[in-house]
Amino acid sequence: MSEKEPTWPDKTDAAERVRHVAITRTEPRNAGWIADEAAVSRDTAVKYLERMVDQGDLERIETNDGTSYKPDSVTQFLREVRQLAESHSVDDLTQELNAIGDELDAWKATYEVDSLAELRQSIGREDLTGAERRERLDVIDEWEYNIEVRESIQLAINLQSSLTTLGAESRSGGSKTLPQEG
């Protein structure tokens, strides 16, 4: 719970405040906590949180604090893919894929491994110092992140290609709607 009352712009209604608080969390939070942060009653928070669960924006999970809410990971991932597809050209996305590939290749050469799994296994080597193990753990985190980003970028490229095939153009230029039947 925050120690000071959050300030919201005058025209921010209860639904917008609850949405903002719930969607920007990285850890699951219960309705009471979200209500306090959004400056609404618990009942109001529950009403809007359940609506967001029904819409697929949030997941409802059981924690030690009771029913809690967190952003739906699939929805968040798909929004990221859409944002990438709408705000970057295929050439930009392709260049980013190449940069990720170069970084992965550099790590493979530096640590003399062929895969992320091999790098993980290398942490147990007896000849490594604590600092070298920590460095490898940091690289493992970066490698995993690069894999996630790479998947997002690949899907964004596929989305752009599919939209082009359907006759729609990205929002960065041209039509903003898909063609309609009939």
N, C-alpha and C. Protein backbone atom coordinates (compact mmCIF):
# COMPACT_ATOMS: atom_id res chain seq x y z
N MET A 1 0.83 -1.17 0.00
CA MET A 1 0.00 0.00 0.00
C MET A 1 0.88 1.24 0.00
N SER A 2 0.48 2.25 -0.73
CA SER A 2 1.32 3.43 -0.75
C SER A 2 1.08 4.27 0.48
N GLU A 3 2.09 5.05 0.84
CA GLU A 3 2.01 5.83 2.06
C GLU A 3 1.35 7.18 1.83
N LYS A 4 1.28 7.62 0.58
CA LYS A 4 0.63 8.89 0.31
C LYS A 4 -0.50 8.67 -0.68
N GLU A 5 -1.45 9.53 -0.62
CA GLU A 5 -2.60 9.45 -1.52
C GLU A 5 -2.14 9.77 -2.94
N PRO A 6 -2.37 8.88 -3.91
CA PRO A 6 -1.95 9.17 -5.28
C PRO A 6 -2.78 10.33 -5.83
N THR A 7 -2.17 11.09 -6.69
CA THR A 7 -2.92 12.17 -7.33
C THR A 7 -3.26 11.72 -8.74
N TRP A 8 -4.50 11.90 -9.08
CA TRP A 8 -5.01 11.51 -10.38
C TRP A 8 -5.47 12.76 -11.11
N PRO A 9 -5.31 12.82 -12.41
CA PRO A 9 -5.87 13.95 -13.15
C PRO A 9 -7.38 14.06 -12.88
N ASP A 10 -7.89 15.27 -12.88
CA ASP A 10 -9.29 15.53 -12.52
C ASP A 10 -10.30 14.68 -13.29
N LYS A 11 -10.05 14.43 -14.55
CA LYS A 11 -11.03 13.72 -15.38
C LYS A 11 -10.83 12.21 -15.39
N THR A 12 -9.98 11.68 -14.51
CA THR A 12 -9.74 10.24 -14.47
C THR A 12 -10.84 9.59 -13.63
N ASP A 13 -11.67 8.77 -14.28
CA ASP A 13 -12.76 8.13 -13.53
C ASP A 13 -12.26 6.87 -12.82
N ALA A 14 -13.13 6.30 -12.00
CA ALA A 14 -12.76 5.14 -11.18
C ALA A 14 -12.30 3.96 -12.04
N ALA A 15 -12.99 3.71 -13.14
CA ALA A 15 -12.62 2.58 -14.00
C ALA A 15 -11.22 2.76 -14.56
N GLU A 16 -10.88 3.97 -14.99
CA GLU A 16 -9.55 4.24 -15.54
C GLU A 16 -8.47 4.08 -14.47
N ARG A 17 -8.76 4.53 -13.26
CA ARG A 17 -7.78 4.42 -12.18
C ARG A 17 -7.53 2.95 -11.83
N VAL A 18 -8.61 2.17 -11.71
CA VAL A 18 -8.45 0.74 -11.40
C VAL A 18 -7.68 0.05 -12.52
N ARG A 19 -8.04 0.35 -13.76
CA ARG A 19 -7.35 -0.25 -14.92
C ARG A 19 -5.86 0.08 -14.87
N HIS A 20 -5.53 1.34 -14.66
CA HIS A 20 -4.12 1.75 -14.64
C HIS A 20 -3.35 1.02 -13.54
N VAL A 21 -3.90 0.99 -12.36
CA VAL A 21 -3.21 0.34 -11.23
C VAL A 21 -3.04 -1.16 -11.52
N ALA A 22 -4.09 -1.81 -11.98
CA ALA A 22 -4.04 -3.27 -12.19
C ALA A 22 -3.11 -3.66 -13.33
N ILE A 23 -3.15 -2.93 -14.42
CA ILE A 23 -2.37 -3.30 -15.60
C ILE A 23 -0.88 -3.00 -15.42
N THR A 24 -0.54 -2.07 -14.56
CA THR A 24 0.87 -1.70 -14.42
C THR A 24 1.60 -2.48 -13.32
N ARG A 25 0.96 -3.46 -12.75
CA ARG A 25 1.59 -4.28 -11.70
C ARG A 25 2.42 -5.39 -12.31
N THR A 26 3.50 -5.73 -11.63
CA THR A 26 4.28 -6.90 -12.05
C THR A 26 4.01 -8.08 -11.13
N GLU A 27 3.53 -7.81 -9.93
CA GLU A 27 3.18 -8.85 -8.97
C GLU A 27 1.65 -8.85 -8.78
N PRO A 28 1.08 -10.03 -8.55
CA PRO A 28 -0.37 -10.07 -8.29
C PRO A 28 -0.72 -9.23 -7.06
N ARG A 29 -1.83 -8.52 -7.14
CA ARG A 29 -2.30 -7.68 -6.03
C ARG A 29 -3.77 -7.97 -5.77
N ASN A 30 -4.16 -7.89 -4.49
CA ASN A 30 -5.57 -8.14 -4.17
C ASN A 30 -6.40 -6.88 -4.40
N ALA A 31 -7.71 -7.05 -4.39
CA ALA A 31 -8.62 -5.95 -4.71
C ALA A 31 -8.50 -4.81 -3.71
N GLY A 32 -8.26 -5.12 -2.44
CA GLY A 32 -8.11 -4.07 -1.44
C GLY A 32 -6.91 -3.18 -1.72
N TRP A 33 -5.80 -3.79 -2.07
CA TRP A 33 -4.59 -3.03 -2.38
C TRP A 33 -4.83 -2.16 -3.61
N ILE A 34 -5.42 -2.76 -4.65
CA ILE A 34 -5.68 -2.00 -5.88
C ILE A 34 -6.66 -0.87 -5.59
N ALA A 35 -7.68 -1.13 -4.79
CA ALA A 35 -8.66 -0.10 -4.43
C ALA A 35 -7.97 1.08 -3.74
N ASP A 36 -7.09 0.80 -2.80
CA ASP A 36 -6.36 1.87 -2.10
C ASP A 36 -5.53 2.70 -3.08
N GLU A 37 -4.82 2.02 -3.96
CA GLU A 37 -3.97 2.72 -4.93
C GLU A 37 -4.80 3.55 -5.92
N ALA A 38 -5.98 3.04 -6.28
CA ALA A 38 -6.83 3.72 -7.26
C ALA A 38 -7.78 4.73 -6.62
N ALA A 39 -7.75 4.80 -5.29
CA ALA A 39 -8.61 5.72 -4.54
C ALA A 39 -10.10 5.46 -4.83
N VAL A 40 -10.47 4.16 -4.74
CA VAL A 40 -11.87 3.76 -4.91
C VAL A 40 -12.20 2.78 -3.79
N SER A 41 -13.48 2.46 -3.66
CA SER A 41 -13.88 1.46 -2.67
C SER A 41 -13.47 0.07 -3.15
N ARG A 42 -13.38 -0.86 -2.22
CA ARG A 42 -13.03 -2.23 -2.58
C ARG A 42 -14.07 -2.81 -3.53
N ASP A 43 -15.36 -2.57 -3.27
CA ASP A 43 -16.42 -3.09 -4.13
C ASP A 43 -16.30 -2.55 -5.56
N THR A 44 -15.97 -1.27 -5.67
CA THR A 44 -15.79 -0.67 -6.99
C THR A 44 -14.61 -1.32 -7.70
N ALA A 45 -13.52 -1.52 -6.97
CA ALA A 45 -12.35 -2.16 -7.57
C ALA A 45 -12.69 -3.56 -8.05
N VAL A 46 -13.38 -4.34 -7.23
CA VAL A 46 -13.74 -5.70 -7.61
C VAL A 46 -14.59 -5.70 -8.87
N LYS A 47 -15.55 -4.78 -8.96
CA LYS A 47 -16.42 -4.69 -10.14
C LYS A 47 -15.58 -4.50 -11.41
N TYR A 48 -14.67 -3.56 -11.39
CA TYR A 48 -13.85 -3.29 -12.57
C TYR A 48 -12.80 -4.36 -12.81
N LEU A 49 -12.24 -4.91 -11.75
CA LEU A 49 -11.26 -5.98 -11.91
C LEU A 49 -11.89 -7.22 -12.54
N GLU A 50 -13.07 -7.59 -12.09
CA GLU A 50 -13.76 -8.75 -12.66
C GLU A 50 -14.12 -8.51 -14.12
N ARG A 51 -14.46 -7.28 -14.45
CA ARG A 51 -14.74 -6.92 -15.84
C ARG A 51 -13.48 -7.12 -16.68
N MET A 52 -12.35 -6.70 -16.13
CA MET A 52 -11.09 -6.86 -16.85
C MET A 52 -10.69 -8.33 -17.00
N VAL A 53 -11.03 -9.15 -16.01
CA VAL A 53 -10.79 -10.59 -16.13
C VAL A 53 -11.65 -11.14 -17.27
N ASP A 54 -12.92 -10.76 -17.30
CA ASP A 54 -13.83 -11.23 -18.36
C ASP A 54 -13.35 -10.81 -19.74
N GLN A 55 -12.72 -9.64 -19.84
CA GLN A 55 -12.22 -9.13 -21.12
C GLN A 55 -10.87 -9.74 -21.51
N GLY A 56 -10.25 -10.47 -20.59
CA GLY A 56 -8.97 -11.10 -20.88
C GLY A 56 -7.77 -10.22 -20.58
N ASP A 57 -7.99 -9.07 -19.93
CA ASP A 57 -6.88 -8.18 -19.62
C ASP A 57 -6.14 -8.60 -18.35
N LEU A 58 -6.84 -9.25 -17.42
CA LEU A 58 -6.25 -9.67 -16.16
C LEU A 58 -6.48 -11.15 -15.93
N GLU A 59 -5.62 -11.73 -15.11
CA GLU A 59 -5.82 -13.10 -14.62
C GLU A 59 -6.18 -13.00 -13.14
N ARG A 60 -7.10 -13.83 -12.72
CA ARG A 60 -7.47 -13.94 -11.30
C ARG A 60 -6.72 -15.14 -10.76
N ILE A 61 -5.97 -14.95 -9.67
CA ILE A 61 -5.22 -16.05 -9.07
C ILE A 61 -5.41 -16.02 -7.56
N GLU A 62 -5.25 -17.19 -6.96
CA GLU A 62 -5.35 -17.28 -5.50
C GLU A 62 -3.95 -17.19 -4.91
N THR A 63 -3.78 -16.29 -3.96
CA THR A 63 -2.50 -16.12 -3.26
C THR A 63 -2.75 -16.19 -1.76
N ASN A 64 -1.73 -16.01 -0.98
CA ASN A 64 -1.88 -15.97 0.48
C ASN A 64 -2.77 -14.82 0.92
N ASP A 65 -2.85 -13.78 0.10
CA ASP A 65 -3.69 -12.61 0.39
C ASP A 65 -5.12 -12.79 -0.13
N GLY A 66 -5.47 -13.98 -0.59
CA GLY A 66 -6.80 -14.22 -1.16
C GLY A 66 -6.76 -14.08 -2.67
N THR A 67 -7.87 -13.69 -3.25
CA THR A 67 -7.95 -13.51 -4.69
C THR A 67 -7.14 -12.29 -5.09
N SER A 68 -6.25 -12.49 -6.02
CA SER A 68 -5.41 -11.40 -6.52
C SER A 68 -5.52 -11.33 -8.03
N TYR A 69 -5.03 -10.23 -8.57
CA TYR A 69 -5.14 -9.97 -10.00
C TYR A 69 -3.77 -9.57 -10.54
N LYS A 70 -3.51 -10.01 -11.77
CA LYS A 70 -2.28 -9.61 -12.45
C LYS A 70 -2.56 -9.53 -13.94
N PRO A 71 -1.79 -8.74 -14.66
CA PRO A 71 -2.00 -8.65 -16.10
C PRO A 71 -1.91 -10.02 -16.76
N ASP A 72 -2.80 -10.29 -17.70
CA ASP A 72 -2.80 -11.55 -18.43
C ASP A 72 -1.59 -11.58 -19.35
N SER A 73 -0.74 -12.58 -19.19
CA SER A 73 0.52 -12.64 -19.93
C SER A 73 0.31 -12.79 -21.43
N VAL A 74 -0.70 -13.53 -21.85
CA VAL A 74 -0.95 -13.71 -23.28
C VAL A 74 -1.40 -12.39 -23.90
N THR A 75 -2.32 -11.70 -23.23
CA THR A 75 -2.80 -10.41 -23.72
C THR A 75 -1.66 -9.42 -23.81
N GLN A 76 -0.82 -9.38 -22.78
CA GLN A 76 0.32 -8.46 -22.78
C GLN A 76 1.26 -8.78 -23.95
N PHE A 77 1.53 -10.07 -24.17
CA PHE A 77 2.42 -10.49 -25.24
C PHE A 77 1.85 -10.09 -26.60
N LEU A 78 0.56 -10.34 -26.80
CA LEU A 78 -0.06 -10.00 -28.09
C LEU A 78 -0.09 -8.50 -28.32
N ARG A 79 -0.30 -7.72 -27.26
CA ARG A 79 -0.24 -6.25 -27.40
C ARG A 79 1.16 -5.81 -27.82
N GLU A 80 2.17 -6.45 -27.23
CA GLU A 80 3.54 -6.11 -27.59
C GLU A 80 3.81 -6.42 -29.05
N VAL A 81 3.36 -7.58 -29.51
CA VAL A 81 3.54 -7.96 -30.91
C VAL A 81 2.84 -6.95 -31.82
N ARG A 82 1.62 -6.59 -31.48
CA ARG A 82 0.88 -5.63 -32.30
C ARG A 82 1.59 -4.28 -32.32
N GLN A 83 2.06 -3.83 -31.16
CA GLN A 83 2.76 -2.55 -31.09
C GLN A 83 4.02 -2.58 -31.95
N LEU A 84 4.77 -3.68 -31.91
CA LEU A 84 5.95 -3.80 -32.76
C LEU A 84 5.58 -3.74 -34.24
N ALA A 85 4.52 -4.47 -34.61
CA ALA A 85 4.10 -4.52 -36.01
C ALA A 85 3.61 -3.16 -36.50
N GLU A 86 2.97 -2.40 -35.62
CA GLU A 86 2.42 -1.10 -36.03
C GLU A 86 3.45 0.02 -36.02
N SER A 87 4.49 -0.11 -35.22
CA SER A 87 5.40 1.02 -35.06
C SER A 87 6.77 0.84 -35.72
N HIS A 88 7.01 -0.33 -36.32
CA HIS A 88 8.31 -0.58 -36.94
C HIS A 88 8.12 -1.20 -38.32
N SER A 89 9.01 -0.85 -39.21
CA SER A 89 8.97 -1.45 -40.54
C SER A 89 9.53 -2.87 -40.48
N VAL A 90 9.25 -3.64 -41.51
CA VAL A 90 9.80 -5.00 -41.59
C VAL A 90 11.32 -4.93 -41.62
N ASP A 91 11.86 -3.93 -42.30
CA ASP A 91 13.32 -3.78 -42.35
C ASP A 91 13.90 -3.53 -40.96
N ASP A 92 13.26 -2.64 -40.18
CA ASP A 92 13.72 -2.37 -38.82
C ASP A 92 13.67 -3.63 -37.96
N LEU A 93 12.56 -4.35 -38.07
CA LEU A 93 12.40 -5.58 -37.29
C LEU A 93 13.43 -6.62 -37.70
N THR A 94 13.69 -6.72 -38.98
CA THR A 94 14.68 -7.66 -39.49
C THR A 94 16.07 -7.31 -38.98
N GLN A 95 16.39 -6.03 -38.96
CA GLN A 95 17.69 -5.59 -38.44
C GLN A 95 17.82 -5.93 -36.95
N GLU A 96 16.74 -5.78 -36.21
CA GLU A 96 16.77 -6.12 -34.78
C GLU A 96 16.97 -7.63 -34.60
N LEU A 97 16.32 -8.44 -35.42
CA LEU A 97 16.54 -9.89 -35.36
C LEU A 97 18.01 -10.22 -35.63
N ASN A 98 18.60 -9.53 -36.59
CA ASN A 98 20.01 -9.75 -36.90
C ASN A 98 20.89 -9.37 -35.71
N ALA A 99 20.58 -8.24 -35.05
CA ALA A 99 21.36 -7.80 -33.89
C ALA A 99 21.26 -8.83 -32.75
N ILE A 100 20.08 -9.35 -32.55
CA ILE A 100 19.90 -10.38 -31.52
C ILE A 100 20.72 -11.62 -31.87
N GLY A 101 20.67 -12.04 -33.13
CA GLY A 101 21.45 -13.19 -33.58
C GLY A 101 22.94 -12.98 -33.37
N ASP A 102 23.41 -11.77 -33.68
CA ASP A 102 24.83 -11.45 -33.47
C ASP A 102 25.21 -11.55 -32.00
N GLU A 103 24.33 -11.05 -31.13
CA GLU A 103 24.62 -11.10 -29.70
C GLU A 103 24.67 -12.54 -29.20
N LEU A 104 23.72 -13.36 -29.66
CA LEU A 104 23.71 -14.78 -29.26
C LEU A 104 24.97 -15.48 -29.76
N ASP A 105 25.36 -15.19 -31.01
CA ASP A 105 26.58 -15.79 -31.56
C ASP A 105 27.82 -15.39 -30.75
N ALA A 106 27.87 -14.13 -30.32
CA ALA A 106 29.01 -13.66 -29.52
C ALA A 106 29.08 -14.40 -28.20
N TRP A 107 27.94 -14.60 -27.56
CA TRP A 107 27.93 -15.33 -26.29
C TRP A 107 28.35 -16.77 -26.49
N LYS A 108 27.88 -17.38 -27.58
CA LYS A 108 28.28 -18.76 -27.86
C LYS A 108 29.79 -18.86 -27.99
N ALA A 109 30.38 -17.90 -28.69
CA ALA A 109 31.84 -17.91 -28.88
C ALA A 109 32.56 -17.61 -27.57
N THR A 110 32.09 -16.62 -26.84
CA THR A 110 32.75 -16.22 -25.60
C THR A 110 32.76 -17.35 -24.58
N TYR A 111 31.64 -18.04 -24.45
CA TYR A 111 31.51 -19.07 -23.41
C TYR A 111 31.69 -20.48 -23.96
N GLU A 112 32.02 -20.58 -25.24
CA GLU A 112 32.27 -21.86 -25.90
C GLU A 112 31.14 -22.85 -25.68
N VAL A 113 29.93 -22.38 -26.01
CA VAL A 113 28.72 -23.21 -25.91
C VAL A 113 27.96 -23.10 -27.23
N ASP A 114 27.05 -24.04 -27.44
CA ASP A 114 26.23 -24.02 -28.64
C ASP A 114 24.78 -23.64 -28.36
N SER A 115 24.42 -23.57 -27.06
CA SER A 115 23.03 -23.31 -26.74
C SER A 115 22.90 -22.69 -25.34
N LEU A 116 21.73 -22.17 -25.07
CA LEU A 116 21.42 -21.65 -23.74
C LEU A 116 21.52 -22.76 -22.70
N ALA A 117 21.05 -23.94 -23.05
CA ALA A 117 21.12 -25.07 -22.11
C ALA A 117 22.57 -25.39 -21.74
N GLU A 118 23.47 -25.34 -22.71
CA GLU A 118 24.88 -25.60 -22.43
C GLU A 118 25.46 -24.51 -21.52
N LEU A 119 25.06 -23.27 -21.75
CA LEU A 119 25.55 -22.19 -20.89
C LEU A 119 25.06 -22.40 -19.45
N ARG A 120 23.80 -22.79 -19.30
CA ARG A 120 23.27 -23.10 -17.96
C ARG A 120 24.09 -24.20 -17.29
N GLN A 121 24.37 -25.26 -18.03
CA GLN A 121 25.13 -26.38 -17.47
C GLN A 121 26.54 -25.95 -17.08
N SER A 122 27.09 -24.98 -17.80
CA SER A 122 28.47 -24.57 -17.52
C SER A 122 28.61 -23.86 -16.18
N ILE A 123 27.52 -23.41 -15.60
CA ILE A 123 27.55 -22.73 -14.30
C ILE A 123 28.15 -23.66 -13.24
N GLY A 124 27.98 -24.96 -13.40
CA GLY A 124 28.46 -25.92 -12.43
C GLY A 124 29.93 -26.29 -12.55
N ARG A 125 30.61 -25.69 -13.52
CA ARG A 125 32.03 -26.03 -13.69
C ARG A 125 32.83 -25.62 -12.47
N GLU A 126 33.73 -26.49 -12.04
CA GLU A 126 34.53 -26.25 -10.85
C GLU A 126 35.60 -25.18 -11.06
N ASP A 127 36.01 -24.95 -12.30
CA ASP A 127 37.10 -24.00 -12.55
C ASP A 127 36.63 -22.55 -12.62
N LEU A 128 35.32 -22.30 -12.46
CA LEU A 128 34.81 -20.93 -12.52
C LEU A 128 34.85 -20.27 -11.14
N THR A 129 35.16 -18.99 -11.16
CA THR A 129 35.11 -18.22 -9.91
C THR A 129 33.66 -17.79 -9.67
N GLY A 130 33.40 -17.28 -8.50
CA GLY A 130 32.06 -16.78 -8.19
C GLY A 130 31.65 -15.66 -9.15
N ALA A 131 32.59 -14.78 -9.45
CA ALA A 131 32.30 -13.67 -10.37
C ALA A 131 31.98 -14.19 -11.77
N GLU A 132 32.70 -15.21 -12.21
CA GLU A 132 32.44 -15.78 -13.54
C GLU A 132 31.07 -16.45 -13.58
N ARG A 133 30.69 -17.12 -12.49
CA ARG A 133 29.35 -17.74 -12.44
C ARG A 133 28.27 -16.67 -12.48
N ARG A 134 28.45 -15.60 -11.71
CA ARG A 134 27.46 -14.50 -11.71
C ARG A 134 27.35 -13.86 -13.08
N GLU A 135 28.48 -13.69 -13.75
CA GLU A 135 28.49 -13.12 -15.10
C GLU A 135 27.69 -14.01 -16.05
N ARG A 136 27.90 -15.31 -15.95
CA ARG A 136 27.16 -16.24 -16.80
C ARG A 136 25.67 -16.22 -16.48
N LEU A 137 25.33 -16.10 -15.20
CA LEU A 137 23.91 -16.01 -14.82
C LEU A 137 23.28 -14.76 -15.41
N ASP A 138 24.02 -13.65 -15.42
CA ASP A 138 23.51 -12.42 -16.04
C ASP A 138 23.30 -12.62 -17.54
N VAL A 139 24.24 -13.30 -18.19
CA VAL A 139 24.13 -13.57 -19.62
C VAL A 139 22.93 -14.48 -19.88
N ILE A 140 22.70 -15.46 -19.01
CA ILE A 140 21.55 -16.35 -19.16
C ILE A 140 20.26 -15.54 -19.14
N ASP A 141 20.15 -14.60 -18.19
CA ASP A 141 18.96 -13.73 -18.14
C ASP A 141 18.80 -12.94 -19.43
N GLU A 142 19.89 -12.37 -19.92
CA GLU A 142 19.85 -11.60 -21.17
C GLU A 142 19.48 -12.49 -22.35
N TRP A 143 20.03 -13.68 -22.38
CA TRP A 143 19.78 -14.63 -23.47
C TRP A 143 18.29 -14.98 -23.49
N GLU A 144 17.73 -15.28 -22.30
CA GLU A 144 16.31 -15.60 -22.23
C GLU A 144 15.46 -14.42 -22.70
N TYR A 145 15.83 -13.22 -22.29
CA TYR A 145 15.10 -12.02 -22.72
C TYR A 145 15.18 -11.87 -24.24
N ASN A 146 16.38 -12.08 -24.81
CA ASN A 146 16.53 -11.99 -26.26
C ASN A 146 15.66 -13.00 -26.99
N ILE A 147 15.51 -14.18 -26.43
CA ILE A 147 14.65 -15.19 -27.05
C ILE A 147 13.20 -14.71 -27.06
N GLU A 148 12.75 -14.12 -25.94
CA GLU A 148 11.38 -13.59 -25.88
C GLU A 148 11.18 -12.47 -26.89
N VAL A 149 12.13 -11.56 -26.95
CA VAL A 149 12.04 -10.44 -27.89
C VAL A 149 12.06 -10.96 -29.33
N ARG A 150 12.94 -11.91 -29.59
CA ARG A 150 13.03 -12.48 -30.94
C ARG A 150 11.70 -13.09 -31.37
N GLU A 151 11.04 -13.82 -30.45
CA GLU A 151 9.74 -14.40 -30.77
C GLU A 151 8.70 -13.32 -31.05
N SER A 152 8.72 -12.25 -30.27
CA SER A 152 7.80 -11.13 -30.49
C SER A 152 8.03 -10.50 -31.85
N ILE A 153 9.29 -10.28 -32.18
CA ILE A 153 9.63 -9.66 -33.46
C ILE A 153 9.23 -10.55 -34.62
N GLN A 154 9.50 -11.85 -34.51
CA GLN A 154 9.12 -12.77 -35.58
C GLN A 154 7.61 -12.77 -35.79
N LEU A 155 6.86 -12.75 -34.71
CA LEU A 155 5.40 -12.70 -34.84
C LEU A 155 4.94 -11.37 -35.41
N ALA A 156 5.61 -10.28 -35.06
CA ALA A 156 5.26 -8.96 -35.60
C ALA A 156 5.48 -8.94 -37.11
N ILE A 157 6.58 -9.53 -37.57
CA ILE A 157 6.83 -9.61 -39.01
C ILE A 157 5.75 -10.44 -39.68
N ASN A 158 5.40 -11.58 -39.07
CA ASN A 158 4.33 -12.42 -39.63
C ASN A 158 2.99 -11.68 -39.64
N LEU A 159 2.72 -10.90 -38.59
CA LEU A 159 1.48 -10.13 -38.54
C LEU A 159 1.44 -9.11 -39.67
N GLN A 160 2.54 -8.40 -39.88
CA GLN A 160 2.58 -7.44 -40.98
C GLN A 160 2.36 -8.12 -42.32
N SER A 161 2.99 -9.27 -42.49
CA SER A 161 2.83 -10.02 -43.73
C SER A 161 1.39 -10.47 -43.92
N SER A 162 0.76 -10.95 -42.85
CA SER A 162 -0.63 -11.40 -42.94
C SER A 162 -1.56 -10.23 -43.26
N LEU A 163 -1.33 -9.10 -42.61
CA LEU A 163 -2.17 -7.93 -42.87
C LEU A 163 -2.01 -7.45 -44.31
N THR A 164 -0.79 -7.50 -44.82
CA THR A 164 -0.55 -7.12 -46.20
C THR A 164 -1.29 -8.07 -47.14
N THR A 165 -1.23 -9.36 -46.84
CA THR A 165 -1.92 -10.36 -47.65
C THR A 165 -3.43 -10.12 -47.64
N LEU A 166 -3.95 -9.70 -46.48
CA LEU A 166 -5.38 -9.42 -46.36
C LEU A 166 -5.78 -8.09 -46.98
N GLY A 167 -4.79 -7.30 -47.39
CA GLY A 167 -5.09 -6.02 -48.00
C GLY A 167 -5.13 -4.86 -47.02
N ALA A 168 -4.76 -5.11 -45.79
CA ALA A 168 -4.70 -4.04 -44.79
C ALA A 168 -3.26 -3.58 -44.68
N GLU A 169 -3.08 -2.31 -44.30
CA GLU A 169 -1.74 -1.79 -44.10
C GLU A 169 -1.55 -1.46 -42.64
N SER A 170 -0.29 -1.39 -42.21
CA SER A 170 -0.03 -1.06 -40.82
C SER A 170 -0.50 0.35 -40.52
N ARG A 171 -0.66 0.66 -39.26
CA ARG A 171 -1.14 1.97 -38.85
C ARG A 171 -0.14 3.08 -39.12
N SER A 172 1.09 2.69 -39.36
CA SER A 172 2.10 3.72 -39.62
C SER A 172 1.92 4.34 -40.99
N GLY A 173 1.06 3.78 -41.79
CA GLY A 173 0.77 4.36 -43.09
C GLY A 173 -0.36 3.63 -43.76
N GLY A 174 -1.31 4.34 -44.28
CA GLY A 174 -2.40 3.70 -45.01
C GLY A 174 -3.59 3.38 -44.15
N SER A 175 -4.38 2.43 -44.62
CA SER A 175 -5.65 2.07 -44.00
C SER A 175 -5.47 1.55 -42.59
N LYS A 176 -6.43 1.90 -41.73
CA LYS A 176 -6.38 1.45 -40.34
C LYS A 176 -7.37 0.33 -40.06
N THR A 177 -8.07 -0.11 -41.06
CA THR A 177 -9.07 -1.14 -40.82
C THR A 177 -8.85 -2.31 -41.78
N LEU A 178 -9.32 -3.44 -41.37
CA LEU A 178 -9.28 -4.62 -42.23
C LEU A 178 -10.41 -4.54 -43.24
N PRO A 179 -10.23 -5.13 -44.40
CA PRO A 179 -11.31 -5.12 -45.38
C PRO A 179 -12.52 -5.86 -44.84
N GLN A 180 -13.69 -5.39 -45.20
CA GLN A 180 -14.95 -5.99 -44.75
C GLN A 180 -15.54 -6.85 -45.85
N GLU A 181 -16.23 -7.91 -45.45
CA GLU A 181 -16.92 -8.74 -46.43
C GLU A 181 -18.23 -8.08 -46.81
N GLY A 182 -18.70 -8.39 -48.03
CA GLY A 182 -20.03 -7.99 -48.44
C GLY A 182 -20.15 -6.61 -48.75
